[in-house]
Amino acid sequence: MKWTHVPFLVIISLLSLSKNHLFLSQLIPDPEDLERANDNGTPIPTSDNDDNSLGYTGSRLRQEDFPPRIVEHPSDLIVSKGEPATLNCKAEGRPTPTIEWYKGGERVETDKDDPRSHRMLLPSGSLFFLRIVHGRKSRPDEGVYVCVARNYLGEAVSHNASLEVASK
């Protein structure tokens, strides 16, 4: 579903919906939008679904922005050296929040920063390790992680999750 802004509009009734068109009748100015002259207007849904479903019923169609919130927090992991691992994190918000990961207060470098990195930021927001790096003197992957979701309305921080390398 896509949303297109139409200024100063309240929908009284919906006549019909065809492949990619929404037919409306009895449209009147929205008093709230008239008070906010610089508002982008009332969003009108258009469907890309095969069945033309909009996923919304009601006489007033409005989509509001909201700050991020974490809907799936990462869990503690114990992983063997050289094995892959995933720290899960999912967030919702409008607009869709960006996700960053931090370990010990420092931002984690991923493939988005360096294509050669063994850490990947997945589209879901999860942090995927191609292999856990762990040496005698250096333990770059072991530690306490948090994911931070941000949009222009604010940020949300996940619970702490520790990644520990299993001893042999």
N, C-alpha and C. Protein backbone atom coordinates (compact mmCIF):
# COMPACT_ATOMS: atom_id res chain seq x y z
N MET A 1 0.84 -1.17 0.00
CA MET A 1 0.00 0.00 0.00
C MET A 1 0.89 1.23 0.00
N LYS A 2 0.52 2.24 -0.79
CA LYS A 2 1.20 3.53 -0.81
C LYS A 2 0.24 4.59 -0.30
N TRP A 3 0.78 5.69 0.21
CA TRP A 3 -0.04 6.79 0.70
C TRP A 3 0.30 8.04 -0.09
N THR A 4 -0.72 8.73 -0.58
CA THR A 4 -0.55 9.97 -1.31
C THR A 4 -1.26 11.06 -0.54
N HIS A 5 -0.59 12.18 -0.31
CA HIS A 5 -1.19 13.28 0.45
C HIS A 5 -2.08 14.14 -0.44
N VAL A 6 -3.29 14.39 0.04
CA VAL A 6 -4.24 15.29 -0.62
C VAL A 6 -4.60 16.35 0.41
N PRO A 7 -4.33 17.64 0.14
CA PRO A 7 -4.56 18.66 1.17
C PRO A 7 -6.04 18.88 1.48
N PHE A 8 -6.31 19.18 2.76
CA PHE A 8 -7.61 19.63 3.24
C PHE A 8 -8.76 18.71 2.83
N LEU A 9 -8.73 17.45 3.26
CA LEU A 9 -9.73 16.51 2.77
C LEU A 9 -10.22 15.57 3.86
N VAL A 10 -11.53 15.45 4.01
CA VAL A 10 -12.14 14.41 4.82
C VAL A 10 -12.99 13.58 3.88
N ILE A 11 -12.85 12.26 3.97
CA ILE A 11 -13.59 11.38 3.08
C ILE A 11 -14.85 10.94 3.80
N ILE A 12 -15.99 11.27 3.22
CA ILE A 12 -17.27 10.88 3.80
C ILE A 12 -17.65 9.48 3.35
N SER A 13 -17.45 9.17 2.08
CA SER A 13 -17.76 7.82 1.62
C SER A 13 -16.81 7.39 0.52
N LEU A 14 -16.61 6.09 0.45
CA LEU A 14 -15.75 5.47 -0.55
C LEU A 14 -16.67 4.76 -1.53
N LEU A 15 -16.59 5.15 -2.82
CA LEU A 15 -17.46 4.53 -3.81
C LEU A 15 -16.96 3.16 -4.22
N SER A 16 -15.73 3.10 -4.75
CA SER A 16 -15.21 1.81 -5.19
C SER A 16 -13.70 1.87 -5.34
N LEU A 17 -13.15 0.70 -5.50
CA LEU A 17 -11.71 0.57 -5.65
C LEU A 17 -11.45 -0.37 -6.81
N SER A 18 -10.70 0.09 -7.81
CA SER A 18 -10.32 -0.78 -8.92
C SER A 18 -8.82 -1.04 -8.82
N LYS A 19 -8.24 -1.64 -9.84
CA LYS A 19 -6.84 -2.10 -9.81
C LYS A 19 -5.90 -1.11 -9.12
N ASN A 20 -5.81 0.11 -9.56
CA ASN A 20 -4.90 1.07 -8.94
C ASN A 20 -5.58 2.41 -8.70
N HIS A 21 -6.89 2.43 -8.56
CA HIS A 21 -7.61 3.69 -8.38
C HIS A 21 -8.58 3.61 -7.21
N LEU A 22 -8.70 4.70 -6.52
CA LEU A 22 -9.62 4.83 -5.40
C LEU A 22 -10.63 5.89 -5.80
N PHE A 23 -11.92 5.54 -5.85
CA PHE A 23 -12.97 6.47 -6.24
C PHE A 23 -13.70 6.95 -5.00
N LEU A 24 -13.71 8.25 -4.79
CA LEU A 24 -14.27 8.84 -3.58
C LEU A 24 -15.44 9.74 -3.92
N SER A 25 -16.33 9.94 -2.96
CA SER A 25 -17.41 10.91 -3.13
C SER A 25 -17.59 11.66 -1.82
N GLN A 26 -18.33 12.75 -1.86
CA GLN A 26 -18.65 13.55 -0.68
C GLN A 26 -17.40 13.95 0.09
N LEU A 27 -16.54 14.70 -0.58
CA LEU A 27 -15.30 15.17 0.04
C LEU A 27 -15.52 16.57 0.57
N ILE A 28 -15.08 16.79 1.81
CA ILE A 28 -15.23 18.12 2.41
C ILE A 28 -13.91 18.55 3.02
N PRO A 29 -13.68 19.87 3.20
CA PRO A 29 -12.44 20.31 3.84
C PRO A 29 -12.33 19.80 5.27
N ASP A 30 -11.14 19.44 5.66
CA ASP A 30 -10.86 18.98 7.01
C ASP A 30 -10.55 20.19 7.87
N PRO A 31 -11.36 20.49 8.90
CA PRO A 31 -11.13 21.67 9.73
C PRO A 31 -9.75 21.67 10.41
N GLU A 32 -9.26 20.49 10.80
CA GLU A 32 -7.92 20.42 11.41
C GLU A 32 -6.85 20.86 10.43
N ASP A 33 -6.99 20.42 9.18
CA ASP A 33 -6.00 20.79 8.17
C ASP A 33 -6.12 22.26 7.79
N LEU A 34 -7.32 22.81 7.82
CA LEU A 34 -7.49 24.23 7.51
C LEU A 34 -6.77 25.08 8.55
N GLU A 35 -6.76 24.61 9.80
CA GLU A 35 -6.06 25.34 10.86
C GLU A 35 -4.55 25.27 10.68
N ARG A 36 -4.08 24.20 10.10
CA ARG A 36 -2.65 24.03 9.84
C ARG A 36 -2.41 24.18 8.34
N ALA A 37 -2.36 25.40 7.87
CA ALA A 37 -2.29 25.67 6.43
C ALA A 37 -1.07 25.06 5.76
N ASN A 38 0.00 24.83 6.50
CA ASN A 38 1.20 24.27 5.89
C ASN A 38 1.24 22.75 5.97
N ASP A 39 0.16 22.14 6.44
CA ASP A 39 0.09 20.68 6.56
C ASP A 39 0.10 20.05 5.17
N ASN A 40 0.66 18.85 5.07
CA ASN A 40 0.68 18.14 3.79
C ASN A 40 -0.68 17.55 3.44
N GLY A 41 -1.61 17.55 4.37
CA GLY A 41 -2.95 17.08 4.06
C GLY A 41 -3.24 15.70 4.59
N THR A 42 -4.38 15.18 4.19
CA THR A 42 -4.83 13.87 4.62
C THR A 42 -4.32 12.81 3.66
N PRO A 43 -3.60 11.79 4.16
CA PRO A 43 -3.10 10.77 3.26
C PRO A 43 -4.22 9.87 2.76
N ILE A 44 -4.17 9.54 1.49
CA ILE A 44 -5.14 8.66 0.85
C ILE A 44 -4.40 7.39 0.44
N PRO A 45 -4.90 6.19 0.82
CA PRO A 45 -4.19 4.97 0.46
C PRO A 45 -4.45 4.57 -0.99
N THR A 46 -3.44 4.00 -1.62
CA THR A 46 -3.61 3.36 -2.92
C THR A 46 -3.02 1.97 -2.78
N SER A 47 -3.65 1.00 -3.39
CA SER A 47 -3.28 -0.39 -3.17
C SER A 47 -2.42 -0.92 -4.30
N ASP A 48 -1.39 -1.69 -3.95
CA ASP A 48 -0.61 -2.45 -4.90
C ASP A 48 -0.94 -3.94 -4.79
N ASN A 49 -1.85 -4.27 -3.88
CA ASN A 49 -2.20 -5.67 -3.64
C ASN A 49 -3.06 -6.20 -4.78
N ASP A 50 -2.91 -7.50 -5.09
CA ASP A 50 -3.71 -8.11 -6.14
C ASP A 50 -5.20 -8.03 -5.86
N ASP A 51 -5.57 -8.12 -4.57
CA ASP A 51 -6.99 -8.07 -4.23
C ASP A 51 -7.45 -6.65 -3.92
N ASN A 52 -6.56 -5.67 -4.12
CA ASN A 52 -6.86 -4.26 -3.89
C ASN A 52 -7.22 -3.95 -2.44
N SER A 53 -6.83 -4.82 -1.51
CA SER A 53 -7.16 -4.55 -0.12
C SER A 53 -6.30 -3.43 0.42
N LEU A 54 -6.88 -2.60 1.26
CA LEU A 54 -6.17 -1.47 1.84
C LEU A 54 -5.74 -1.74 3.27
N GLY A 55 -6.34 -2.71 3.92
CA GLY A 55 -6.01 -2.97 5.30
C GLY A 55 -6.53 -1.91 6.25
N TYR A 56 -7.52 -1.12 5.84
CA TYR A 56 -8.05 -0.05 6.67
C TYR A 56 -9.52 0.15 6.34
N THR A 57 -10.34 0.31 7.37
CA THR A 57 -11.73 0.69 7.15
C THR A 57 -12.04 1.87 8.04
N GLY A 58 -12.93 2.70 7.62
CA GLY A 58 -13.30 3.88 8.40
C GLY A 58 -13.53 5.06 7.49
N SER A 59 -14.10 6.12 8.05
CA SER A 59 -14.43 7.27 7.21
C SER A 59 -13.28 8.27 7.12
N ARG A 60 -12.37 8.26 8.08
CA ARG A 60 -11.27 9.23 8.07
C ARG A 60 -9.96 8.46 7.93
N LEU A 61 -9.23 8.72 6.87
CA LEU A 61 -7.98 8.02 6.62
C LEU A 61 -6.82 8.96 6.94
N ARG A 62 -6.04 8.60 7.94
CA ARG A 62 -4.90 9.44 8.32
C ARG A 62 -3.79 8.53 8.86
N GLN A 63 -2.60 8.81 8.42
CA GLN A 63 -1.45 8.03 8.87
C GLN A 63 -0.51 9.00 9.58
N GLU A 64 -0.21 8.73 10.84
CA GLU A 64 0.61 9.64 11.64
C GLU A 64 2.00 9.07 11.84
N ASP A 65 2.99 9.95 11.88
CA ASP A 65 4.35 9.54 12.21
C ASP A 65 4.43 9.24 13.71
N PHE A 66 5.31 8.30 14.08
CA PHE A 66 5.50 8.01 15.50
C PHE A 66 6.95 7.60 15.74
N PRO A 67 7.43 7.82 16.97
CA PRO A 67 8.83 7.52 17.28
C PRO A 67 9.09 6.02 17.29
N PRO A 68 10.36 5.64 17.16
CA PRO A 68 10.70 4.21 17.15
C PRO A 68 10.40 3.53 18.48
N ARG A 69 10.15 2.23 18.39
CA ARG A 69 10.10 1.39 19.58
C ARG A 69 10.65 0.03 19.18
N ILE A 70 11.35 -0.58 20.10
CA ILE A 70 11.95 -1.90 19.86
C ILE A 70 10.86 -2.94 20.06
N VAL A 71 10.64 -3.78 19.05
CA VAL A 71 9.63 -4.83 19.16
C VAL A 71 10.25 -6.22 19.33
N GLU A 72 11.55 -6.34 19.05
CA GLU A 72 12.28 -7.59 19.34
C GLU A 72 13.66 -7.20 19.86
N HIS A 73 13.91 -7.54 21.12
CA HIS A 73 15.19 -7.23 21.75
C HIS A 73 16.18 -8.36 21.51
N PRO A 74 17.48 -8.05 21.45
CA PRO A 74 18.48 -9.11 21.29
C PRO A 74 18.61 -9.94 22.58
N SER A 75 19.06 -11.16 22.42
CA SER A 75 19.26 -12.08 23.56
C SER A 75 20.75 -12.39 23.70
N ASP A 76 21.13 -12.77 24.92
CA ASP A 76 22.52 -13.18 25.17
C ASP A 76 22.86 -14.40 24.32
N LEU A 77 24.12 -14.44 23.84
CA LEU A 77 24.57 -15.56 23.02
C LEU A 77 25.89 -16.09 23.54
N ILE A 78 26.06 -17.40 23.46
CA ILE A 78 27.35 -18.05 23.67
C ILE A 78 27.65 -18.78 22.36
N VAL A 79 28.76 -18.40 21.71
CA VAL A 79 29.05 -18.89 20.37
C VAL A 79 30.49 -19.39 20.32
N SER A 80 30.73 -20.42 19.51
CA SER A 80 32.09 -20.92 19.31
C SER A 80 32.86 -20.02 18.36
N LYS A 81 34.16 -19.91 18.60
CA LYS A 81 35.05 -19.12 17.74
C LYS A 81 34.93 -19.61 16.29
N GLY A 82 34.83 -18.67 15.35
CA GLY A 82 34.76 -19.00 13.93
C GLY A 82 33.36 -19.32 13.42
N GLU A 83 32.40 -19.47 14.32
CA GLU A 83 31.03 -19.80 13.93
C GLU A 83 30.23 -18.52 13.63
N PRO A 84 29.17 -18.62 12.82
CA PRO A 84 28.30 -17.46 12.59
C PRO A 84 27.38 -17.23 13.79
N ALA A 85 26.89 -16.01 13.90
CA ALA A 85 25.96 -15.68 15.00
C ALA A 85 25.10 -14.50 14.56
N THR A 86 23.93 -14.39 15.18
CA THR A 86 23.02 -13.27 14.90
C THR A 86 22.47 -12.71 16.20
N LEU A 87 22.61 -11.40 16.36
CA LEU A 87 21.94 -10.68 17.44
C LEU A 87 20.71 -10.04 16.81
N ASN A 88 19.53 -10.47 17.23
CA ASN A 88 18.30 -9.96 16.63
C ASN A 88 17.88 -8.63 17.23
N CYS A 89 17.31 -7.80 16.39
CA CYS A 89 16.71 -6.54 16.83
C CYS A 89 15.73 -6.10 15.76
N LYS A 90 14.51 -5.83 16.18
CA LYS A 90 13.51 -5.30 15.25
C LYS A 90 12.87 -4.09 15.91
N ALA A 91 12.64 -3.07 15.09
CA ALA A 91 12.02 -1.84 15.59
C ALA A 91 10.93 -1.42 14.63
N GLU A 92 9.98 -0.67 15.16
CA GLU A 92 8.96 -0.07 14.29
C GLU A 92 8.89 1.41 14.60
N GLY A 93 8.39 2.15 13.66
CA GLY A 93 8.24 3.59 13.78
C GLY A 93 7.88 4.15 12.42
N ARG A 94 7.43 5.39 12.39
CA ARG A 94 7.12 6.03 11.12
C ARG A 94 7.69 7.43 11.16
N PRO A 95 8.60 7.79 10.30
CA PRO A 95 9.14 6.94 9.24
C PRO A 95 9.97 5.79 9.82
N THR A 96 10.19 4.78 8.96
CA THR A 96 10.93 3.60 9.39
C THR A 96 12.26 4.02 10.00
N PRO A 97 12.53 3.55 11.22
CA PRO A 97 13.77 3.96 11.88
C PRO A 97 15.01 3.32 11.26
N THR A 98 16.13 4.02 11.39
CA THR A 98 17.42 3.43 11.05
C THR A 98 17.93 2.72 12.30
N ILE A 99 18.70 1.66 12.09
CA ILE A 99 19.21 0.87 13.21
C ILE A 99 20.73 0.94 13.20
N GLU A 100 21.29 1.15 14.37
CA GLU A 100 22.74 1.07 14.57
C GLU A 100 22.99 0.20 15.79
N TRP A 101 24.14 -0.45 15.80
CA TRP A 101 24.53 -1.30 16.92
C TRP A 101 25.72 -0.68 17.64
N TYR A 102 25.75 -0.87 18.96
CA TYR A 102 26.84 -0.37 19.79
C TYR A 102 27.34 -1.50 20.68
N LYS A 103 28.66 -1.54 20.87
CA LYS A 103 29.28 -2.51 21.77
C LYS A 103 30.14 -1.72 22.74
N GLY A 104 29.85 -1.84 24.02
CA GLY A 104 30.61 -1.11 25.02
C GLY A 104 30.59 0.40 24.79
N GLY A 105 29.49 0.91 24.28
CA GLY A 105 29.34 2.34 24.05
C GLY A 105 29.90 2.83 22.73
N GLU A 106 30.59 1.97 21.99
CA GLU A 106 31.18 2.35 20.69
C GLU A 106 30.33 1.79 19.56
N ARG A 107 30.14 2.59 18.52
CA ARG A 107 29.36 2.14 17.35
C ARG A 107 30.08 0.97 16.68
N VAL A 108 29.30 -0.06 16.33
CA VAL A 108 29.85 -1.26 15.69
C VAL A 108 29.95 -1.01 14.19
N GLU A 109 31.12 -1.28 13.63
CA GLU A 109 31.32 -1.15 12.19
C GLU A 109 30.76 -2.38 11.50
N THR A 110 29.96 -2.16 10.46
CA THR A 110 29.35 -3.26 9.70
C THR A 110 29.73 -3.15 8.23
N ASP A 111 29.17 -4.04 7.42
CA ASP A 111 29.42 -4.02 5.98
C ASP A 111 28.95 -2.72 5.33
N LYS A 112 28.05 -2.00 6.00
CA LYS A 112 27.60 -0.70 5.47
C LYS A 112 28.75 0.31 5.50
N ASP A 113 29.64 0.17 6.50
CA ASP A 113 30.80 1.05 6.64
C ASP A 113 32.01 0.53 5.86
N ASP A 114 32.19 -0.78 5.90
CA ASP A 114 33.35 -1.42 5.28
C ASP A 114 32.89 -2.73 4.65
N PRO A 115 32.88 -2.82 3.31
CA PRO A 115 32.40 -4.04 2.65
C PRO A 115 33.17 -5.30 3.04
N ARG A 116 34.36 -5.15 3.62
CA ARG A 116 35.17 -6.31 4.02
C ARG A 116 34.85 -6.78 5.44
N SER A 117 33.96 -6.07 6.12
CA SER A 117 33.64 -6.40 7.51
C SER A 117 32.99 -7.78 7.61
N HIS A 118 33.28 -8.47 8.71
CA HIS A 118 32.65 -9.78 8.96
C HIS A 118 31.30 -9.61 9.68
N ARG A 119 30.90 -8.36 9.92
CA ARG A 119 29.61 -8.06 10.55
C ARG A 119 28.69 -7.42 9.52
N MET A 120 27.46 -7.92 9.45
CA MET A 120 26.49 -7.39 8.48
C MET A 120 25.25 -6.88 9.20
N LEU A 121 24.79 -5.71 8.80
CA LEU A 121 23.52 -5.19 9.30
C LEU A 121 22.44 -5.69 8.35
N LEU A 122 21.57 -6.56 8.84
CA LEU A 122 20.51 -7.14 8.00
C LEU A 122 19.37 -6.14 7.84
N PRO A 123 18.57 -6.27 6.76
CA PRO A 123 17.44 -5.35 6.55
C PRO A 123 16.47 -5.29 7.73
N SER A 124 16.36 -6.38 8.47
CA SER A 124 15.47 -6.41 9.64
C SER A 124 16.00 -5.57 10.80
N GLY A 125 17.31 -5.25 10.76
CA GLY A 125 17.95 -4.54 11.86
C GLY A 125 18.85 -5.43 12.69
N SER A 126 18.81 -6.73 12.44
CA SER A 126 19.65 -7.67 13.18
C SER A 126 21.11 -7.53 12.76
N LEU A 127 22.01 -7.90 13.68
CA LEU A 127 23.45 -7.86 13.43
C LEU A 127 23.92 -9.30 13.22
N PHE A 128 24.42 -9.58 12.01
CA PHE A 128 24.86 -10.93 11.65
C PHE A 128 26.38 -10.96 11.58
N PHE A 129 26.98 -11.92 12.26
CA PHE A 129 28.42 -12.14 12.23
C PHE A 129 28.68 -13.32 11.30
N LEU A 130 29.46 -13.11 10.24
CA LEU A 130 29.80 -14.21 9.34
C LEU A 130 30.59 -15.28 10.09
N ARG A 131 31.44 -14.82 11.00
CA ARG A 131 32.22 -15.72 11.86
C ARG A 131 32.60 -14.92 13.10
N ILE A 132 32.64 -15.55 14.23
CA ILE A 132 33.04 -14.89 15.47
C ILE A 132 34.56 -14.87 15.53
N VAL A 133 35.11 -13.66 15.68
CA VAL A 133 36.56 -13.48 15.75
C VAL A 133 36.96 -13.43 17.23
N HIS A 134 37.95 -14.28 17.57
CA HIS A 134 38.37 -14.38 18.96
C HIS A 134 39.80 -14.91 18.99
N GLY A 135 40.71 -14.10 19.50
CA GLY A 135 42.12 -14.52 19.58
C GLY A 135 42.60 -14.51 21.01
N ARG A 136 43.88 -14.85 21.20
CA ARG A 136 44.46 -14.87 22.55
C ARG A 136 44.49 -13.47 23.16
N LYS A 137 44.87 -12.48 22.35
CA LYS A 137 45.01 -11.12 22.86
C LYS A 137 43.85 -10.22 22.46
N SER A 138 43.17 -10.58 21.41
CA SER A 138 42.10 -9.71 20.90
C SER A 138 40.78 -10.47 20.84
N ARG A 139 39.75 -9.86 21.37
CA ARG A 139 38.41 -10.45 21.36
C ARG A 139 37.42 -9.41 20.83
N PRO A 140 37.53 -9.06 19.53
CA PRO A 140 36.75 -7.94 19.00
C PRO A 140 35.24 -8.16 18.99
N ASP A 141 34.78 -9.40 19.00
CA ASP A 141 33.33 -9.63 18.93
C ASP A 141 32.69 -9.86 20.30
N GLU A 142 33.49 -10.25 21.28
CA GLU A 142 32.95 -10.52 22.61
C GLU A 142 32.62 -9.21 23.31
N GLY A 143 31.46 -9.16 23.96
CA GLY A 143 31.09 -7.95 24.69
C GLY A 143 29.59 -7.78 24.83
N VAL A 144 29.20 -6.60 25.29
CA VAL A 144 27.79 -6.28 25.52
C VAL A 144 27.32 -5.34 24.42
N TYR A 145 26.24 -5.74 23.75
CA TYR A 145 25.71 -5.01 22.59
C TYR A 145 24.33 -4.42 22.90
N VAL A 146 24.02 -3.31 22.24
CA VAL A 146 22.66 -2.76 22.21
C VAL A 146 22.38 -2.30 20.80
N CYS A 147 21.12 -2.36 20.40
CA CYS A 147 20.75 -1.76 19.12
C CYS A 147 19.96 -0.48 19.42
N VAL A 148 20.15 0.51 18.57
CA VAL A 148 19.49 1.80 18.72
C VAL A 148 18.73 2.09 17.44
N ALA A 149 17.43 2.33 17.57
CA ALA A 149 16.58 2.67 16.43
C ALA A 149 16.28 4.16 16.50
N ARG A 150 16.43 4.87 15.36
CA ARG A 150 16.22 6.32 15.34
C ARG A 150 15.39 6.76 14.14
N ASN A 151 14.52 7.73 14.38
CA ASN A 151 13.93 8.52 13.31
C ASN A 151 13.86 9.95 13.82
N TYR A 152 13.27 10.86 13.06
CA TYR A 152 13.30 12.27 13.45
C TYR A 152 12.51 12.56 14.73
N LEU A 153 11.68 11.61 15.17
CA LEU A 153 10.89 11.82 16.39
C LEU A 153 11.58 11.32 17.65
N GLY A 154 12.69 10.59 17.49
CA GLY A 154 13.38 10.12 18.69
C GLY A 154 14.17 8.86 18.45
N GLU A 155 14.50 8.20 19.55
CA GLU A 155 15.26 6.96 19.47
C GLU A 155 14.78 5.98 20.53
N ALA A 156 15.02 4.70 20.25
CA ALA A 156 14.71 3.63 21.20
C ALA A 156 15.95 2.77 21.33
N VAL A 157 16.26 2.35 22.55
CA VAL A 157 17.44 1.54 22.82
C VAL A 157 16.99 0.18 23.33
N SER A 158 17.57 -0.87 22.76
CA SER A 158 17.21 -2.23 23.17
C SER A 158 17.80 -2.56 24.53
N HIS A 159 17.40 -3.72 25.05
CA HIS A 159 18.04 -4.28 26.24
C HIS A 159 19.48 -4.66 25.87
N ASN A 160 20.34 -4.76 26.86
CA ASN A 160 21.71 -5.24 26.64
C ASN A 160 21.67 -6.72 26.27
N ALA A 161 22.59 -7.11 25.39
CA ALA A 161 22.77 -8.53 25.05
C ALA A 161 24.26 -8.81 25.03
N SER A 162 24.68 -9.83 25.77
CA SER A 162 26.11 -10.15 25.77
C SER A 162 26.39 -11.28 24.79
N LEU A 163 27.48 -11.11 24.07
CA LEU A 163 27.97 -12.15 23.17
C LEU A 163 29.26 -12.67 23.80
N GLU A 164 29.24 -13.96 24.10
CA GLU A 164 30.37 -14.59 24.77
C GLU A 164 30.89 -15.71 23.87
N VAL A 165 32.21 -15.85 23.81
CA VAL A 165 32.81 -16.92 23.02
C VAL A 165 33.02 -18.12 23.94
N ALA A 166 32.50 -19.27 23.50
CA ALA A 166 32.59 -20.50 24.31
C ALA A 166 34.04 -20.95 24.42
N SER A 167 34.42 -21.34 25.63
CA SER A 167 35.78 -21.87 25.83
C SER A 167 35.79 -23.34 25.43
N LYS A 168 36.92 -23.76 24.91
CA LYS A 168 37.00 -25.15 24.41
C LYS A 168 37.43 -26.10 25.49
